[in-house]
Amino acid sequence: MNCDDHAMKDSASDSPTLPCFPQLEESLRLQERLMHVSRLATVGEMSSGIAHELNQPLCAMANYARACDRLLALPDPDIGEIRDTLQAIAAQALRAGEVIRRLRSLSRPPRPSREVVDVNTLIAELTDLIQAATQHNRVRYRFEAGLDLPRVLVDRSQIQQLVLNLVRNSVEALAEQPVEAREVVLRTAHTGTGDIEISVSDLGPGVAPTVAPHLFTPFCTSKAAGTGLGLAMSRTIAGAHDGSLDYHPNKPTGACFTLTLPAAQAGSH
């Protein structure tokens, strides 16, 4: 916002006219569009890992199909072995379909719909997509699930997008690190005040002190092809859930982003 914008706000505050609801509605629509762009950017930047993840079941299906062809060509084919091979093809097809289903749910425009969920289950649903990104980049992924956590009232797809964005940032930060140092750790835990923490940490180079104050500013990015919207929209999502998203340096090195969410109140749906 520039100085003229502040002057316009001050002038408007002195006026007895009612707020301009069309402008508010347009602002909300713009926020929704920016969030959708951020979602597509997250999915797009993970596309190479996702392609790798899909290629594995597709290659397995092709190999199993060739095996079936060889078995059927035998003078006395083993029907049981052929049946087992066909079942393996079906299992790999379901695996590929599940990856595509999760990808579609993340890339479609958001439909705000909150539900009470177990945060560990919410994160476990992302395992295939996270491993697609980490394995493709030779990064180890570890999920440390907190025990006996209260449930949270959230828009499932928005929180999953936020977590994926944080994981993707960590994977990219580790690109120049030695392979043995490439590890992303995702944790869930109590905060001690009744809230839930989801943290993503890595052993990368961390965030430069000059950049840290601007991390959540829209269009602020150090990536050559980055949009600068990921962390800004992630913090917007956290705030919309009455939570917070913060950064602090990881020890001994690296970065740690922590999402805090309030526990669902009794009677929440």
Foldseek 3Di string as FASTA:
>chain_A
DDPVVVVVVVVVVPDPDDDDVVVVVVVVVVLLVLLLVLLVVLLVLLVQLLVVLLVVLVVLLVVLVVVLVVQVPDPDHDVVVNVVSVVSNVVSVVSNVLSVVLSVLSNDRDDDDKDWDDVVVLVVSCVSSLCSRQVVLLAAEEEAEEPPAFTAIARSSLVNSLVSLLSSVLSVLCNPPPSVQRYKYWYWYDPVPQKIKIKIWGQGQADDPVCQVCLQPAQDDPDPPDRSSNNVSSQVRLVVQVWGWHKDADPPGTIMIMIIHHHDDPPGD
